[in-house]
Amino acid sequence: MTATLIRLAGAIVAEDPGVSSNASGLPGLGQLRSIVGAMLTFGLVACVAAVVISAVVWGFGANSGNPHVAGRGKTGVVVAAGAALLIGAANAIVTFFSGVGATV
């Protein structure tokens, strides 16, 4: 009885439901893409500002002999650069994992 249920469940999971993403399924999808693109631009501009501010803090900390402030500036530069990397690669990351998920 249990083996039959397991085989039946495996057959149900193995069936492809035939659902895929499409570009015309929702109204307002074009506007949503425009908004997300603007958010990407805003995020990158914020990262540039964060790099500049963190570099200034790093410089002031280094010139004033304050290693704590200089360390915070270094951390800010690295975090802002990492955030810019993730924002810039967001589309490629999602596309990659969507492709991997489609093959499962």
N, C-alpha and C. Protein backbone atom coordinates (compact mmCIF):
# COMPACT_ATOMS: atom_id res chain seq x y z
N MET A 1 0.82 -1.20 0.00
CA MET A 1 0.00 0.00 0.00
C MET A 1 0.87 1.26 0.00
N THR A 2 1.88 1.29 0.88
CA THR A 2 2.75 2.47 0.98
C THR A 2 3.58 2.63 -0.29
N ALA A 3 4.07 1.54 -0.84
CA ALA A 3 4.87 1.61 -2.06
C ALA A 3 4.04 2.15 -3.22
N THR A 4 2.78 1.78 -3.28
CA THR A 4 1.90 2.27 -4.34
C THR A 4 1.68 3.78 -4.21
N LEU A 5 1.50 4.26 -2.98
CA LEU A 5 1.32 5.70 -2.75
C LEU A 5 2.58 6.48 -3.11
N ILE A 6 3.74 5.93 -2.78
CA ILE A 6 5.00 6.60 -3.10
C ILE A 6 5.18 6.68 -4.61
N ARG A 7 4.90 5.59 -5.34
CA ARG A 7 4.99 5.60 -6.79
C ARG A 7 4.00 6.60 -7.40
N LEU A 8 2.80 6.66 -6.87
CA LEU A 8 1.78 7.58 -7.36
C LEU A 8 2.20 9.03 -7.11
N ALA A 9 2.75 9.30 -5.93
CA ALA A 9 3.22 10.66 -5.61
C ALA A 9 4.38 11.04 -6.52
N GLY A 10 5.28 10.11 -6.80
CA GLY A 10 6.40 10.38 -7.71
C GLY A 10 5.92 10.68 -9.12
N ALA A 11 4.89 10.00 -9.55
CA ALA A 11 4.34 10.24 -10.89
C ALA A 11 3.68 11.61 -10.96
N ILE A 12 3.02 12.01 -9.88
CA ILE A 12 2.37 13.32 -9.86
C ILE A 12 3.40 14.44 -9.88
N VAL A 13 4.48 14.30 -9.10
CA VAL A 13 5.52 15.31 -9.04
C VAL A 13 6.25 15.40 -10.37
N ALA A 14 6.42 14.30 -11.07
CA ALA A 14 7.18 14.29 -12.32
C ALA A 14 6.43 14.93 -13.48
N GLU A 15 5.14 15.13 -13.36
CA GLU A 15 4.37 15.72 -14.45
C GLU A 15 4.65 17.22 -14.54
N ASP A 16 4.80 17.70 -15.76
CA ASP A 16 5.02 19.12 -16.01
C ASP A 16 3.66 19.81 -16.11
N PRO A 17 3.40 20.81 -15.25
CA PRO A 17 2.09 21.46 -15.31
C PRO A 17 1.93 22.38 -16.51
N GLY A 18 3.01 22.68 -17.22
CA GLY A 18 2.93 23.51 -18.41
C GLY A 18 2.80 25.00 -18.14
N VAL A 19 3.21 25.44 -16.96
CA VAL A 19 3.13 26.86 -16.61
C VAL A 19 4.50 27.49 -16.81
N SER A 20 4.54 28.62 -17.50
CA SER A 20 5.79 29.34 -17.69
C SER A 20 5.52 30.84 -17.59
N SER A 21 6.58 31.60 -17.42
CA SER A 21 6.41 33.04 -17.31
C SER A 21 6.11 33.63 -18.69
N ASN A 22 5.35 34.72 -18.70
CA ASN A 22 5.06 35.41 -19.95
C ASN A 22 5.09 36.91 -19.69
N ALA A 23 5.31 37.67 -20.74
CA ALA A 23 5.45 39.12 -20.61
C ALA A 23 4.12 39.86 -20.74
N SER A 24 3.05 39.16 -21.05
CA SER A 24 1.78 39.84 -21.25
C SER A 24 0.71 39.38 -20.27
N GLY A 25 1.10 38.72 -19.21
CA GLY A 25 0.13 38.14 -18.29
C GLY A 25 -0.49 39.13 -17.33
N LEU A 26 0.19 40.23 -17.03
CA LEU A 26 -0.32 41.19 -16.06
C LEU A 26 -0.41 42.58 -16.68
N PRO A 27 -1.47 43.30 -16.37
CA PRO A 27 -1.50 44.69 -16.82
C PRO A 27 -0.53 45.52 -15.97
N GLY A 28 0.12 46.45 -16.60
CA GLY A 28 1.05 47.32 -15.88
C GLY A 28 2.44 46.75 -15.72
N LEU A 29 2.75 45.66 -16.41
CA LEU A 29 4.07 45.05 -16.28
C LEU A 29 5.16 45.96 -16.84
N GLY A 30 4.87 46.69 -17.88
CA GLY A 30 5.83 47.64 -18.45
C GLY A 30 6.17 48.75 -17.46
N GLN A 31 5.15 49.25 -16.76
CA GLN A 31 5.38 50.29 -15.77
C GLN A 31 6.19 49.75 -14.58
N LEU A 32 5.91 48.51 -14.19
CA LEU A 32 6.66 47.90 -13.09
C LEU A 32 8.13 47.75 -13.46
N ARG A 33 8.40 47.33 -14.70
CA ARG A 33 9.79 47.23 -15.14
C ARG A 33 10.46 48.60 -15.14
N SER A 34 9.74 49.62 -15.52
CA SER A 34 10.28 50.98 -15.51
C SER A 34 10.60 51.42 -14.08
N ILE A 35 9.72 51.11 -13.15
CA ILE A 35 9.94 51.48 -11.75
C ILE A 35 11.14 50.75 -11.19
N VAL A 36 11.26 49.46 -11.48
CA VAL A 36 12.40 48.68 -10.98
C VAL A 36 13.70 49.19 -11.59
N GLY A 37 13.67 49.55 -12.86
CA GLY A 37 14.86 50.13 -13.50
C GLY A 37 15.27 51.44 -12.84
N ALA A 38 14.28 52.26 -12.48
CA ALA A 38 14.57 53.50 -11.77
C ALA A 38 15.15 53.22 -10.39
N MET A 39 14.65 52.17 -9.73
CA MET A 39 15.20 51.80 -8.42
C MET A 39 16.65 51.34 -8.54
N LEU A 40 16.96 50.62 -9.62
CA LEU A 40 18.34 50.21 -9.85
C LEU A 40 19.24 51.43 -10.02
N THR A 41 18.79 52.39 -10.79
CA THR A 41 19.56 53.61 -11.00
C THR A 41 19.74 54.37 -9.69
N PHE A 42 18.66 54.50 -8.92
CA PHE A 42 18.73 55.19 -7.64
C PHE A 42 19.71 54.48 -6.70
N GLY A 43 19.66 53.16 -6.67
CA GLY A 43 20.57 52.39 -5.82
C GLY A 43 22.03 52.58 -6.21
N LEU A 44 22.31 52.62 -7.50
CA LEU A 44 23.68 52.84 -7.95
C LEU A 44 24.18 54.24 -7.63
N VAL A 45 23.30 55.24 -7.76
CA VAL A 45 23.68 56.61 -7.40
C VAL A 45 23.95 56.69 -5.89
N ALA A 46 23.13 56.02 -5.09
CA ALA A 46 23.35 55.99 -3.65
C ALA A 46 24.67 55.31 -3.31
N CYS A 47 25.03 54.27 -4.05
CA CYS A 47 26.31 53.59 -3.81
C CYS A 47 27.49 54.50 -4.13
N VAL A 48 27.37 55.29 -5.19
CA VAL A 48 28.44 56.24 -5.53
C VAL A 48 28.59 57.26 -4.40
N ALA A 49 27.47 57.77 -3.90
CA ALA A 49 27.52 58.72 -2.79
C ALA A 49 28.13 58.07 -1.55
N ALA A 50 27.78 56.83 -1.28
CA ALA A 50 28.33 56.13 -0.11
C ALA A 50 29.83 55.92 -0.25
N VAL A 51 30.31 55.60 -1.44
CA VAL A 51 31.75 55.45 -1.65
C VAL A 51 32.46 56.77 -1.39
N VAL A 52 31.90 57.86 -1.91
CA VAL A 52 32.53 59.17 -1.72
C VAL A 52 32.56 59.56 -0.25
N ILE A 53 31.43 59.41 0.43
CA ILE A 53 31.37 59.76 1.85
C ILE A 53 32.30 58.88 2.68
N SER A 54 32.32 57.58 2.39
CA SER A 54 33.18 56.67 3.14
C SER A 54 34.65 56.96 2.88
N ALA A 55 34.99 57.34 1.66
CA ALA A 55 36.38 57.69 1.35
C ALA A 55 36.80 58.95 2.10
N VAL A 56 35.90 59.91 2.20
CA VAL A 56 36.20 61.13 2.97
C VAL A 56 36.40 60.80 4.44
N VAL A 57 35.53 59.96 4.99
CA VAL A 57 35.67 59.54 6.39
C VAL A 57 36.98 58.79 6.59
N TRP A 58 37.32 57.92 5.67
CA TRP A 58 38.57 57.17 5.73
C TRP A 58 39.76 58.14 5.73
N GLY A 59 39.72 59.12 4.85
CA GLY A 59 40.80 60.10 4.78
C GLY A 59 40.93 60.92 6.05
N PHE A 60 39.80 61.40 6.57
CA PHE A 60 39.85 62.16 7.82
C PHE A 60 40.38 61.31 8.97
N GLY A 61 39.93 60.06 9.02
CA GLY A 61 40.40 59.18 10.09
C GLY A 61 41.89 58.89 9.99
N ALA A 62 42.37 58.70 8.77
CA ALA A 62 43.79 58.41 8.58
C ALA A 62 44.64 59.64 8.89
N ASN A 63 44.18 60.82 8.48
CA ASN A 63 44.96 62.03 8.71
C ASN A 63 44.90 62.53 10.15
N SER A 64 43.85 62.18 10.87
CA SER A 64 43.75 62.62 12.26
C SER A 64 44.35 61.61 13.23
N GLY A 65 44.82 60.51 12.72
CA GLY A 65 45.41 59.48 13.59
C GLY A 65 44.38 58.68 14.36
N ASN A 66 43.17 58.61 13.85
CA ASN A 66 42.09 57.87 14.51
C ASN A 66 41.84 56.59 13.72
N PRO A 67 42.41 55.47 14.16
CA PRO A 67 42.25 54.23 13.39
C PRO A 67 40.81 53.69 13.37
N HIS A 68 40.04 54.01 14.40
CA HIS A 68 38.65 53.53 14.42
C HIS A 68 37.84 54.19 13.31
N VAL A 69 37.97 55.49 13.16
CA VAL A 69 37.25 56.21 12.11
C VAL A 69 37.75 55.77 10.74
N ALA A 70 39.07 55.61 10.60
CA ALA A 70 39.62 55.16 9.32
C ALA A 70 39.10 53.76 8.97
N GLY A 71 39.00 52.90 9.96
CA GLY A 71 38.47 51.55 9.72
C GLY A 71 37.02 51.58 9.31
N ARG A 72 36.24 52.48 9.92
CA ARG A 72 34.84 52.61 9.53
C ARG A 72 34.72 53.11 8.09
N GLY A 73 35.60 54.02 7.70
CA GLY A 73 35.59 54.50 6.32
C GLY A 73 35.94 53.40 5.34
N LYS A 74 36.94 52.59 5.68
CA LYS A 74 37.30 51.45 4.82
C LYS A 74 36.13 50.49 4.68
N THR A 75 35.48 50.19 5.80
CA THR A 75 34.34 49.28 5.77
C THR A 75 33.23 49.85 4.89
N GLY A 76 32.99 51.15 5.01
CA GLY A 76 31.96 51.79 4.18
C GLY A 76 32.25 51.68 2.70
N VAL A 77 33.52 51.86 2.33
CA VAL A 77 33.90 51.76 0.91
C VAL A 77 33.65 50.33 0.41
N VAL A 78 34.04 49.35 1.19
CA VAL A 78 33.88 47.95 0.76
C VAL A 78 32.40 47.58 0.68
N VAL A 79 31.62 48.00 1.67
CA VAL A 79 30.19 47.68 1.66
C VAL A 79 29.49 48.35 0.48
N ALA A 80 29.81 49.62 0.22
CA ALA A 80 29.19 50.32 -0.91
C ALA A 80 29.58 49.68 -2.23
N ALA A 81 30.84 49.27 -2.37
CA ALA A 81 31.27 48.60 -3.59
C ALA A 81 30.56 47.25 -3.76
N GLY A 82 30.40 46.51 -2.67
CA GLY A 82 29.68 45.24 -2.73
C GLY A 82 28.22 45.43 -3.09
N ALA A 83 27.61 46.47 -2.53
CA ALA A 83 26.21 46.75 -2.85
C ALA A 83 26.06 47.12 -4.33
N ALA A 84 27.00 47.91 -4.85
CA ALA A 84 26.96 48.26 -6.27
C ALA A 84 27.13 47.03 -7.14
N LEU A 85 27.98 46.11 -6.72
CA LEU A 85 28.17 44.87 -7.46
C LEU A 85 26.88 44.06 -7.51
N LEU A 86 26.22 43.94 -6.36
CA LEU A 86 24.97 43.18 -6.32
C LEU A 86 23.86 43.86 -7.11
N ILE A 87 23.78 45.19 -7.02
CA ILE A 87 22.74 45.91 -7.77
C ILE A 87 22.98 45.76 -9.26
N GLY A 88 24.22 45.91 -9.68
CA GLY A 88 24.54 45.79 -11.10
C GLY A 88 24.32 44.39 -11.64
N ALA A 89 24.51 43.40 -10.80
CA ALA A 89 24.37 42.01 -11.23
C ALA A 89 23.01 41.41 -10.90
N ALA A 90 22.09 42.20 -10.39
CA ALA A 90 20.80 41.66 -9.94
C ALA A 90 20.06 40.94 -11.06
N ASN A 91 20.01 41.52 -12.23
CA ASN A 91 19.30 40.90 -13.34
C ASN A 91 19.95 39.58 -13.75
N ALA A 92 21.28 39.56 -13.81
CA ALA A 92 21.99 38.33 -14.18
C ALA A 92 21.82 37.25 -13.12
N ILE A 93 21.84 37.64 -11.84
CA ILE A 93 21.68 36.67 -10.75
C ILE A 93 20.30 36.03 -10.81
N VAL A 94 19.27 36.86 -10.97
CA VAL A 94 17.90 36.32 -11.03
C VAL A 94 17.72 35.46 -12.27
N THR A 95 18.27 35.88 -13.40
CA THR A 95 18.16 35.09 -14.62
C THR A 95 18.86 33.74 -14.46
N PHE A 96 20.03 33.74 -13.83
CA PHE A 96 20.77 32.49 -13.63
C PHE A 96 19.97 31.52 -12.76
N PHE A 97 19.48 32.01 -11.61
CA PHE A 97 18.77 31.10 -10.72
C PHE A 97 17.41 30.71 -11.27
N SER A 98 16.80 31.56 -12.07
CA SER A 98 15.55 31.17 -12.73
C SER A 98 15.81 30.04 -13.72
N GLY A 99 16.91 30.14 -14.45
CA GLY A 99 17.27 29.07 -15.39
C GLY A 99 17.60 27.77 -14.68
N VAL A 100 18.32 27.87 -13.57
CA VAL A 100 18.62 26.67 -12.78
C VAL A 100 17.36 26.06 -12.22
N GLY A 101 16.46 26.92 -11.72
CA GLY A 101 15.21 26.41 -11.16
C GLY A 101 14.32 25.76 -12.21
N ALA A 102 14.40 26.24 -13.45
CA ALA A 102 13.57 25.66 -14.51
C ALA A 102 14.04 24.26 -14.90
N THR A 103 15.31 23.97 -14.63
CA THR A 103 15.83 22.64 -14.99
C THR A 103 15.62 21.60 -13.90
N VAL A 104 15.14 22.00 -12.74
CA VAL A 104 14.95 21.05 -11.64
C VAL A 104 13.76 20.17 -11.92
